[in-house]
Amino acid sequence: MSIAVASALLMEFIDSTALSTALPTLARAFAVDPIHLKLALTSYILALAVFTPASGWAAERFGARRVFLSAMTVFLLGSALCGLSRDLGALVASRIVQGLGGAMMTPVARLIVVGATPKDRLLSAMGWFTMPALVGPLIGPPIAGLVLSVADWPWIFYINLPVGLLGAVAVMRFVPRGQPRPDMGRFDTPGFVLSAAAISGLVVVAETSGVGLLPAWVQVALLALSATCGIVYLRICKRTGRPILDLSLLRYPTYRASLLGGTLVRLGIGASPFLMPLLLQVALGWSPLKASFVTLATGVGVLSARPFAAAGLKRFGFRTSLTVFVSLTAAFTAAPGFFGPATPMWLMMAALTLGGFCRSNQFIAANTIAYADVPESSTAAASTLSAVTQQVGLALGVSFGGMMLHVARGADGALTPDRFILPFVAIGLVTLLALPVYLALDKDAGATISGRSRTA
């Protein structure tokens, strides 16, 4: 069953990384400024952030298997529409449709695996479930590079269709139906609308700042609307029995540090998948296939960190691990800004591999300590809030990186290698802002789950 669900999720992770490789090609196909292609990334991430909070309630109310298959259908429809797009506006709209499906797929898939697997087999089942997140970033860029070398760009989206259909057949064959719960109570519609408006307004303002996509007065109005909706939500969520986003969980220091620190890190590294293809393919003139094998090094680093993370946490504890790895992550995030025509390919790959290794260790530690003090009854709510803040951080990171690149290239608009120094250094510095958050943790924070003995 876990393999069936994982096979269905694989296309989502491949799609996300494959699109980044194709951004320069899409810019030429649509005859638009390459910086504006960040809309294709942030629109999808924004849809994930907005609709993910509804996934848990929908799965319990209508049945996880039914919701998962419906989400797959929506994702595949969005993929087909992306391939049929002939301008940036149509692509962005299609990516939002994809995001609506993706927002329901991963959280509901986790519920399916956890709910239908005996506890003595859960570790093995979750190992298969997490495999797409590890394999997808590894094979996504080379697949995109290969497709773009032999076919036109729509095929990076059309390839999702056969993979998704096979995954749907596997889910229907191996995943039990489960029983919906009509007694779930009311969905927090006011909270959903207010949180969606607050998140959307914030991301749209960040996405359009400094690049002239919207008039200044529209941006100010959107920011005011976003702030108003956020304030109203903060007031009403305290009176809601089951709020769509339970902000009261921020009272737990380890959970608060995980969310705040993780969001700052994602603000920094979120721009890398957008900036790297432009650096390699536009500034350095590489082919998509050649560039994809360099960016694949990050995935190798991420994958190689998995066997060492638990042992490192047990030996050094969460605070030390987080502070060391976030510092290294910041340095390696800034490093590509100094890549130039004379930089050896092996050196680029080594820097990206080490960066992926440090980034993976940092996120494993941050994601694990989030649940150190959260009661078991609030785990689902904590997971939802964490997922939303992760997506918002990534979306704002892409926007920030695009704005820095727009500033760096100046009036002539050239995208030469030297113009990437400022954007990469800037996102490295933003990543480093998480350091004080992690230093403020207690030295024994999370000791009960890391297995490390408490210090005197």
Protein backbone atom coordinates (compact mmCIF):
# COMPACT_ATOMS: atom_id res chain seq x y z
CA MET A 1 0.00 0.00 0.00
CA SER A 2 2.78 2.46 0.91
CA ILE A 3 4.49 1.74 -2.42
CA ALA A 4 1.23 2.43 -4.28
CA VAL A 5 0.79 5.80 -2.57
CA ALA A 6 4.48 6.64 -3.02
CA SER A 7 4.35 5.89 -6.73
CA ALA A 8 1.49 8.35 -7.08
CA LEU A 9 3.40 11.04 -5.19
CA LEU A 10 6.58 10.58 -7.21
CA MET A 11 5.24 12.62 -10.12
CA GLU A 12 4.63 15.61 -7.83
CA PHE A 13 8.21 15.72 -6.62
CA ILE A 14 9.63 15.15 -10.11
CA ASP A 15 7.41 17.89 -11.52
CA SER A 16 8.56 20.49 -8.97
CA THR A 17 12.27 20.00 -9.67
CA ALA A 18 11.86 19.48 -13.41
CA LEU A 19 10.12 22.82 -13.89
CA SER A 20 13.05 24.71 -12.34
CA THR A 21 15.37 23.23 -14.96
CA ALA A 22 13.00 24.36 -17.73
CA LEU A 23 12.57 28.00 -16.62
CA PRO A 24 15.03 29.54 -19.13
CA THR A 25 13.43 27.51 -21.94
CA LEU A 26 9.97 28.70 -20.92
CA ALA A 27 11.18 32.31 -20.83
CA ARG A 28 12.25 32.02 -24.46
CA ALA A 29 9.07 30.20 -25.48
CA PHE A 30 6.82 32.85 -23.92
CA ALA A 31 9.12 35.76 -24.86
CA VAL A 32 9.09 37.09 -21.30
CA ASP A 33 11.74 38.31 -18.86
CA PRO A 34 13.28 35.21 -17.17
CA ILE A 35 12.75 36.83 -13.75
CA HIS A 36 8.99 36.84 -14.32
CA LEU A 37 9.06 33.05 -14.58
CA LYS A 38 9.29 32.95 -10.79
CA LEU A 39 5.50 33.30 -10.95
CA ALA A 40 5.36 29.73 -12.24
CA LEU A 41 7.04 28.55 -9.03
CA THR A 42 5.35 30.79 -6.47
CA SER A 43 1.83 30.28 -7.85
CA TYR A 44 2.11 26.54 -7.20
CA ILE A 45 3.66 27.01 -3.75
CA LEU A 46 0.98 29.58 -2.87
CA ALA A 47 -1.78 27.14 -3.80
CA LEU A 48 -0.15 24.53 -1.54
CA ALA A 49 -0.04 27.00 1.36
CA VAL A 50 -3.66 28.07 0.91
CA PHE A 51 -5.32 24.68 0.44
CA THR A 52 -3.20 22.35 2.60
CA PRO A 53 -5.08 23.28 5.83
CA ALA A 54 -8.30 21.87 4.35
CA SER A 55 -6.77 18.48 3.51
CA GLY A 56 -7.08 16.83 6.93
CA TRP A 57 -10.73 17.78 7.43
CA ALA A 58 -11.65 16.74 3.86
CA ALA A 59 -9.92 13.36 4.22
CA GLU A 60 -11.77 12.53 7.44
CA ARG A 61 -15.10 13.88 6.20
CA PHE A 62 -15.16 12.21 2.77
CA GLY A 63 -12.64 9.38 3.12
CA ALA A 64 -8.87 9.60 2.55
CA ARG A 65 -8.80 7.32 -0.50
CA ARG A 66 -11.53 9.26 -2.29
CA VAL A 67 -9.91 12.64 -1.55
CA PHE A 68 -6.49 11.36 -2.63
CA LEU A 69 -7.76 10.08 -5.97
CA SER A 70 -9.68 13.31 -6.53
CA ALA A 71 -6.52 15.29 -5.76
CA MET A 72 -4.56 13.20 -8.26
CA THR A 73 -7.18 13.91 -10.91
CA VAL A 74 -6.93 17.65 -10.28
CA PHE A 75 -3.12 17.51 -10.36
CA LEU A 76 -3.12 15.65 -13.68
CA LEU A 77 -5.65 18.12 -15.12
CA GLY A 78 -3.36 20.96 -14.07
CA SER A 79 -0.39 19.18 -15.69
CA ALA A 80 -2.24 18.87 -18.99
CA LEU A 81 -3.26 22.53 -18.85
CA CYS A 82 0.36 23.55 -18.14
CA GLY A 83 1.48 21.75 -21.29
CA LEU A 84 -1.23 23.48 -23.31
CA SER A 85 -0.35 26.96 -21.99
CA ARG A 86 0.85 29.47 -24.56
CA ASP A 87 1.62 32.44 -22.32
CA LEU A 88 2.77 33.10 -18.78
CA GLY A 89 -0.72 33.97 -17.49
CA ALA A 90 -2.15 30.64 -18.64
CA LEU A 91 0.81 28.76 -17.14
CA VAL A 92 0.38 30.48 -13.77
CA ALA A 93 -3.36 29.67 -13.72
CA SER A 94 -2.60 26.04 -14.60
CA ARG A 95 0.04 25.83 -11.88
CA ILE A 96 -2.56 26.99 -9.35
CA VAL A 97 -4.79 24.08 -10.46
CA GLN A 98 -1.81 21.75 -10.00
CA GLY A 99 -1.20 23.22 -6.56
CA LEU A 100 -4.80 22.61 -5.52
CA GLY A 101 -4.30 18.92 -6.28
CA GLY A 102 -0.83 18.81 -4.73
CA ALA A 103 -2.08 20.43 -1.51
CA MET A 104 -4.36 17.45 -0.91
CA MET A 105 -2.00 14.70 -2.07
CA THR A 106 0.92 14.57 0.35
CA PRO A 107 -0.93 15.27 3.65
CA VAL A 108 -3.74 12.84 2.77
CA ALA A 109 -1.24 10.22 1.64
CA ARG A 110 0.42 10.43 5.06
CA LEU A 111 -2.96 9.89 6.73
CA ILE A 112 -3.60 6.84 4.54
CA VAL A 113 -0.28 5.22 5.42
CA VAL A 114 -0.45 5.97 9.16
CA GLY A 115 -4.13 4.99 9.46
CA ALA A 116 -3.89 1.68 7.61
CA THR A 117 -0.51 0.36 8.81
CA PRO A 118 0.01 -1.64 12.04
CA LYS A 119 2.38 0.13 14.42
CA ASP A 120 4.94 -2.67 14.23
CA ARG A 121 5.23 -2.09 10.46
CA LEU A 122 4.91 1.70 10.47
CA LEU A 123 8.65 2.44 10.32
CA SER A 124 9.06 0.36 7.17
CA ALA A 125 5.90 1.82 5.63
CA MET A 126 7.03 5.40 6.26
CA GLY A 127 10.39 4.56 4.71
CA TRP A 128 8.64 3.73 1.43
CA PHE A 129 6.33 6.72 1.79
CA THR A 130 9.21 9.20 2.08
CA MET A 131 11.09 7.69 -0.86
CA PRO A 132 9.56 10.04 -3.51
CA ALA A 133 10.79 13.08 -1.58
CA LEU A 134 14.32 11.66 -1.78
CA VAL A 135 14.26 10.23 -5.31
CA GLY A 136 12.20 12.97 -7.00
CA PRO A 137 14.76 15.80 -6.61
CA LEU A 138 17.48 13.41 -7.82
CA ILE A 139 15.83 12.29 -11.05
CA GLY A 140 13.69 15.37 -11.78
CA PRO A 141 16.44 17.66 -13.19
CA PRO A 142 18.07 14.99 -15.44
CA ILE A 143 14.64 13.93 -16.75
CA ALA A 144 13.82 17.55 -17.57
CA GLY A 145 17.23 18.09 -19.18
CA LEU A 146 16.83 14.95 -21.29
CA VAL A 147 13.26 15.83 -22.31
CA LEU A 148 14.28 19.36 -23.30
CA SER A 149 17.15 18.00 -25.40
CA VAL A 150 14.89 15.76 -27.50
CA ALA A 151 11.40 17.33 -27.29
CA ASP A 152 9.58 20.60 -26.70
CA TRP A 153 8.95 21.99 -23.18
CA PRO A 154 5.28 20.85 -22.80
CA TRP A 155 6.52 17.28 -22.39
CA ILE A 156 7.96 18.04 -18.94
CA PHE A 157 4.28 18.32 -17.92
CA TYR A 158 2.80 15.65 -20.18
CA ILE A 159 5.14 13.04 -18.68
CA ASN A 160 3.09 13.33 -15.48
CA LEU A 161 0.03 11.85 -17.18
CA PRO A 162 1.10 8.19 -17.65
CA VAL A 163 2.94 8.19 -14.29
CA GLY A 164 -0.12 9.59 -12.53
CA LEU A 165 -2.53 7.19 -14.20
CA LEU A 166 -0.41 4.19 -13.20
CA GLY A 167 -0.23 5.54 -9.65
CA ALA A 168 -4.01 5.98 -9.54
CA VAL A 169 -4.54 2.38 -10.67
CA ALA A 170 -2.15 1.20 -7.94
CA VAL A 171 -4.00 3.23 -5.30
CA MET A 172 -7.38 1.86 -6.38
CA ARG A 173 -5.98 -1.66 -6.34
CA PHE A 174 -4.08 -1.67 -3.02
CA VAL A 175 -5.42 1.13 -0.80
CA PRO A 176 -8.52 0.26 1.27
CA ARG A 177 -11.55 2.51 0.92
CA GLY A 178 -11.83 3.56 4.56
CA GLN A 179 -14.91 5.04 6.16
CA PRO A 180 -15.81 8.74 5.92
CA ARG A 181 -16.90 10.54 9.08
CA PRO A 182 -20.03 12.63 8.48
CA ASP A 183 -19.89 13.74 12.15
CA MET A 184 -16.71 15.76 11.68
CA GLY A 185 -18.46 18.98 12.51
CA ARG A 186 -18.33 22.23 10.63
CA PHE A 187 -15.38 23.20 8.52
CA ASP A 188 -13.75 26.42 9.73
CA THR A 189 -14.84 28.39 6.66
CA PRO A 190 -14.26 31.90 8.11
CA GLY A 191 -10.78 30.88 9.26
CA PHE A 192 -9.99 29.30 5.90
CA VAL A 193 -11.08 32.40 3.95
CA LEU A 194 -9.24 34.82 6.24
CA SER A 195 -6.01 32.82 6.36
CA ALA A 196 -6.11 32.29 2.59
CA ALA A 197 -6.58 36.01 1.98
CA ALA A 198 -3.79 36.94 4.41
CA ILE A 199 -1.32 34.45 2.92
CA SER A 200 -2.23 35.25 -0.70
CA GLY A 201 -2.00 38.99 -0.23
CA LEU A 202 1.41 38.73 1.44
CA VAL A 203 2.86 36.46 -1.26
CA VAL A 204 1.44 38.50 -4.15
CA VAL A 205 2.91 41.72 -2.74
CA ALA A 206 6.29 40.04 -2.24
CA GLU A 207 6.17 38.54 -5.73
CA THR A 208 5.42 41.83 -7.48
CA SER A 209 7.63 44.16 -5.42
CA GLY A 210 10.39 45.90 -7.35
CA VAL A 211 9.62 44.38 -10.76
CA GLY A 212 6.77 46.59 -11.92
CA LEU A 213 4.11 43.91 -12.29
CA LEU A 214 1.53 45.87 -10.24
CA PRO A 215 1.05 49.59 -9.53
CA ALA A 216 2.26 50.73 -6.12
CA TRP A 217 -1.24 51.62 -4.93
CA VAL A 218 -2.48 48.09 -5.70
CA GLN A 219 0.41 46.61 -3.71
CA VAL A 220 -0.34 48.88 -0.73
CA ALA A 221 -4.03 47.94 -0.87
CA LEU A 222 -3.19 44.22 -1.02
CA LEU A 223 -0.79 44.52 1.89
CA ALA A 224 -3.42 46.36 3.96
CA LEU A 225 -6.02 43.70 3.09
CA SER A 226 -3.58 40.92 4.00
CA ALA A 227 -2.75 42.54 7.36
CA THR A 228 -6.42 43.14 8.15
CA CYS A 229 -7.39 39.55 7.39
CA GLY A 230 -4.48 38.30 9.50
CA ILE A 231 -5.49 40.44 12.49
CA VAL A 232 -9.15 39.38 12.24
CA TYR A 233 -8.07 35.73 12.03
CA LEU A 234 -5.92 36.10 15.15
CA ARG A 235 -8.97 37.38 17.00
CA ILE A 236 -11.48 34.74 15.91
CA CYS A 237 -9.22 31.67 15.99
CA LYS A 238 -9.10 31.86 19.80
CA ARG A 239 -12.87 31.38 19.88
CA THR A 240 -12.94 28.56 17.33
CA GLY A 241 -13.10 25.01 18.63
CA ARG A 242 -11.04 23.60 15.76
CA PRO A 243 -9.28 26.46 13.93
CA ILE A 244 -7.93 25.84 10.46
CA LEU A 245 -4.49 26.99 11.73
CA ASP A 246 -3.95 26.56 15.48
CA LEU A 247 -1.60 29.41 16.37
CA SER A 248 -1.80 28.58 20.09
CA LEU A 249 0.82 25.90 19.40
CA LEU A 250 3.43 28.65 19.18
CA ARG A 251 3.49 28.71 22.99
CA TYR A 252 5.81 25.68 22.89
CA PRO A 253 9.41 27.01 22.62
CA THR A 254 10.78 24.12 20.52
CA TYR A 255 7.86 24.26 18.10
CA ARG A 256 8.13 28.05 17.82
CA ALA A 257 11.87 27.83 17.16
CA SER A 258 11.34 25.16 14.52
CA LEU A 259 8.76 27.24 12.65
CA LEU A 260 10.55 30.58 12.91
CA GLY A 261 14.02 29.22 12.18
CA GLY A 262 12.78 26.93 9.41
CA THR A 263 10.87 29.79 7.77
CA LEU A 264 13.96 32.01 7.75
CA VAL A 265 16.04 29.21 6.24
CA ARG A 266 13.43 28.63 3.56
CA LEU A 267 13.33 32.37 2.87
CA GLY A 268 16.99 31.99 1.98
CA ILE A 269 17.25 28.66 0.20
CA GLY A 270 13.82 28.91 -1.45
CA ALA A 271 15.32 31.08 -4.19
CA SER A 272 18.04 28.56 -5.15
CA PRO A 273 15.87 26.43 -7.51
CA PHE A 274 14.93 29.66 -9.32
CA LEU A 275 18.38 31.29 -9.44
CA MET A 276 20.53 28.24 -10.28
CA PRO A 277 18.99 27.43 -13.72
CA LEU A 278 19.24 31.10 -14.72
CA LEU A 279 22.88 31.25 -13.62
CA LEU A 280 23.89 28.05 -15.40
CA GLN A 281 21.75 28.25 -18.54
CA VAL A 282 21.44 32.01 -19.16
CA ALA A 283 24.55 33.54 -17.60
CA LEU A 284 26.96 30.68 -18.34
CA GLY A 285 25.21 29.48 -21.51
CA TRP A 286 24.97 25.82 -20.54
CA SER A 287 22.45 23.40 -22.02
CA PRO A 288 19.54 22.26 -19.80
CA LEU A 289 20.97 18.72 -19.71
CA LYS A 290 24.43 19.84 -18.57
CA ALA A 291 22.96 22.20 -15.99
CA SER A 292 20.66 19.48 -14.62
CA PHE A 293 23.58 17.21 -13.73
CA VAL A 294 25.20 19.98 -11.70
CA THR A 295 22.01 20.79 -9.78
CA LEU A 296 21.51 17.07 -9.18
CA ALA A 297 24.46 17.30 -6.78
CA THR A 298 22.24 19.04 -4.22
CA GLY A 299 19.92 16.03 -4.19
CA VAL A 300 22.88 13.69 -3.71
CA GLY A 301 23.93 15.71 -0.67
CA VAL A 302 20.41 15.67 0.75
CA LEU A 303 20.14 11.91 0.33
CA SER A 304 23.57 11.20 1.82
CA ALA A 305 22.70 13.07 5.03
CA ARG A 306 19.89 10.74 6.03
CA PRO A 307 22.00 7.92 7.57
CA PHE A 308 24.04 10.37 9.71
CA ALA A 309 21.38 12.75 11.00
CA ALA A 310 20.06 10.66 13.91
CA ALA A 311 23.56 9.76 15.16
CA GLY A 312 24.62 13.41 15.01
CA LEU A 313 21.61 14.55 17.01
CA LYS A 314 22.24 11.90 19.66
CA ARG A 315 25.91 12.89 19.95
CA PHE A 316 25.65 16.69 19.85
CA GLY A 317 22.00 17.53 20.60
CA PHE A 318 19.57 19.75 18.74
CA ARG A 319 20.94 23.21 19.62
CA THR A 320 24.50 22.43 18.55
CA SER A 321 23.42 20.59 15.40
CA LEU A 322 21.05 23.36 14.34
CA THR A 323 23.50 26.20 14.93
CA VAL A 324 26.37 24.46 13.13
CA PHE A 325 24.37 23.26 10.15
CA VAL A 326 22.42 26.50 9.64
CA SER A 327 25.73 28.40 9.55
CA LEU A 328 27.17 25.99 6.98
CA THR A 329 23.91 26.04 5.01
CA ALA A 330 24.08 29.84 4.81
CA ALA A 331 27.66 29.70 3.50
CA PHE A 332 26.94 27.07 0.86
CA THR A 333 23.72 28.85 -0.15
CA ALA A 334 25.76 31.97 -0.98
CA ALA A 335 28.56 30.03 -2.72
CA PRO A 336 26.97 29.70 -6.22
CA GLY A 337 27.04 33.50 -6.52
CA PHE A 338 30.78 33.15 -7.13
CA PHE A 339 30.48 30.51 -9.86
CA GLY A 340 31.86 31.80 -13.14
CA PRO A 341 33.03 30.57 -16.55
CA ALA A 342 36.40 29.55 -15.06
CA THR A 343 34.91 27.60 -12.12
CA PRO A 344 35.51 23.85 -12.59
CA MET A 345 32.36 21.78 -12.86
CA TRP A 346 33.59 19.38 -10.17
CA LEU A 347 34.00 22.28 -7.74
CA MET A 348 30.44 23.46 -8.39
CA MET A 349 29.11 19.95 -7.79
CA ALA A 350 31.18 19.56 -4.62
CA ALA A 351 29.82 22.84 -3.20
CA LEU A 352 26.23 21.89 -4.04
CA THR A 353 26.66 18.39 -2.59
CA LEU A 354 28.01 19.75 0.70
CA GLY A 355 25.26 22.36 0.72
CA GLY A 356 22.62 19.68 0.27
CA PHE A 357 24.18 17.61 3.06
CA CYS A 358 24.16 20.54 5.52
CA ARG A 359 20.67 21.65 4.47
CA SER A 360 19.25 18.16 4.96
CA ASN A 361 20.79 17.83 8.44
CA GLN A 362 19.41 21.24 9.40
CA PHE A 363 15.88 20.42 8.26
CA ILE A 364 15.85 16.95 9.81
CA ALA A 365 16.80 18.48 13.15
CA ALA A 366 14.35 21.41 12.85
CA ASN A 367 11.43 19.24 11.72
CA THR A 368 12.05 16.69 14.48
CA ILE A 369 12.40 19.09 17.40
CA ALA A 370 9.11 20.73 16.39
CA TYR A 371 7.22 17.87 18.05
CA ALA A 372 9.39 17.50 21.16
CA ASP A 373 6.93 19.31 23.44
CA VAL A 374 3.69 19.25 21.42
CA PRO A 375 1.05 16.93 22.96
CA GLU A 376 0.11 13.91 20.87
CA SER A 377 -3.47 15.19 20.59
CA SER A 378 -2.19 18.32 18.81
CA THR A 379 0.23 16.59 16.43
CA ALA A 380 -2.09 16.85 13.40
CA ALA A 381 -2.71 20.57 13.97
CA ALA A 382 1.02 21.15 14.46
CA SER A 383 1.79 19.30 11.23
CA THR A 384 -0.72 21.43 9.30
CA LEU A 385 0.61 24.74 10.62
CA SER A 386 4.17 23.61 9.94
CA ALA A 387 3.34 22.63 6.35
CA VAL A 388 1.71 26.00 5.66
CA THR A 389 4.60 28.04 7.08
CA GLN A 390 7.05 25.95 5.06
CA GLN A 391 5.25 26.77 1.81
CA VAL A 392 4.93 30.47 2.67
CA GLY A 393 8.65 30.60 3.45
CA LEU A 394 9.54 28.98 0.13
CA ALA A 395 7.23 31.29 -1.84
CA LEU A 396 8.63 34.40 -0.17
CA GLY A 397 12.14 33.07 -0.76
CA VAL A 398 11.59 32.79 -4.52
CA SER A 399 10.14 36.31 -4.55
CA PHE A 400 13.08 37.70 -2.56
CA GLY A 401 15.64 36.03 -4.80
CA GLY A 402 13.91 37.37 -7.91
CA MET A 403 13.81 40.88 -6.49
CA MET A 404 17.52 40.76 -5.62
CA LEU A 405 18.36 39.58 -9.15
CA HIS A 406 16.25 42.38 -10.61
CA VAL A 407 18.20 44.91 -8.52
CA ALA A 408 21.58 43.36 -9.34
CA ARG A 409 21.22 43.34 -13.11
CA GLY A 410 20.71 47.09 -13.26
CA ALA A 411 19.37 49.25 -16.06
CA ASP A 412 20.83 47.22 -18.93
CA GLY A 413 18.99 44.08 -17.79
CA ALA A 414 21.92 41.78 -18.54
CA LEU A 415 22.12 38.43 -16.76
CA THR A 416 25.87 37.92 -16.63
CA PRO A 417 27.56 35.75 -13.97
CA ASP A 418 28.66 38.75 -11.87
CA ARG A 419 25.01 39.86 -11.50
CA PHE A 420 24.29 36.73 -9.44
CA ILE A 421 26.70 37.59 -6.61
CA LEU A 422 24.23 39.91 -4.83
CA PRO A 423 21.21 37.55 -5.01
CA PHE A 424 23.10 34.52 -3.71
CA VAL A 425 24.90 36.45 -0.95
CA ALA A 426 21.58 38.03 0.06
CA ILE A 427 19.78 34.68 0.38
CA GLY A 428 22.76 33.31 2.31
CA LEU A 429 22.52 36.17 4.81
CA VAL A 430 18.76 35.66 5.19
CA THR A 431 19.41 31.99 5.93
CA LEU A 432 21.87 33.03 8.64
CA LEU A 433 19.12 35.01 10.42
CA ALA A 434 17.92 31.67 11.82
CA LEU A 435 21.13 31.35 13.87
CA PRO A 436 19.98 33.55 16.83
CA VAL A 437 16.68 31.61 16.92
CA TYR A 438 18.50 28.30 17.37
CA LEU A 439 21.07 29.73 19.80
CA ALA A 440 18.18 30.77 22.06
CA LEU A 441 17.13 27.14 22.51
CA ASP A 442 17.85 25.44 25.82
CA LYS A 443 21.00 23.29 25.63
CA ASP A 444 18.91 20.21 26.49
CA ALA A 445 16.01 21.04 24.13
CA GLY A 446 14.59 17.90 22.56
CA ALA A 447 16.82 15.56 24.60
CA THR A 448 13.93 13.14 25.15
CA ILE A 449 13.63 12.45 21.41
CA SER A 450 17.28 12.76 20.35
CA GLY A 451 18.42 10.15 22.88
CA ARG A 452 21.15 12.45 24.15
CA SER A 453 21.80 12.50 27.88
CA ARG A 454 20.89 15.75 29.61
CA THR A 455 23.78 17.88 30.74
CA ALA A 456 24.17 18.97 34.32
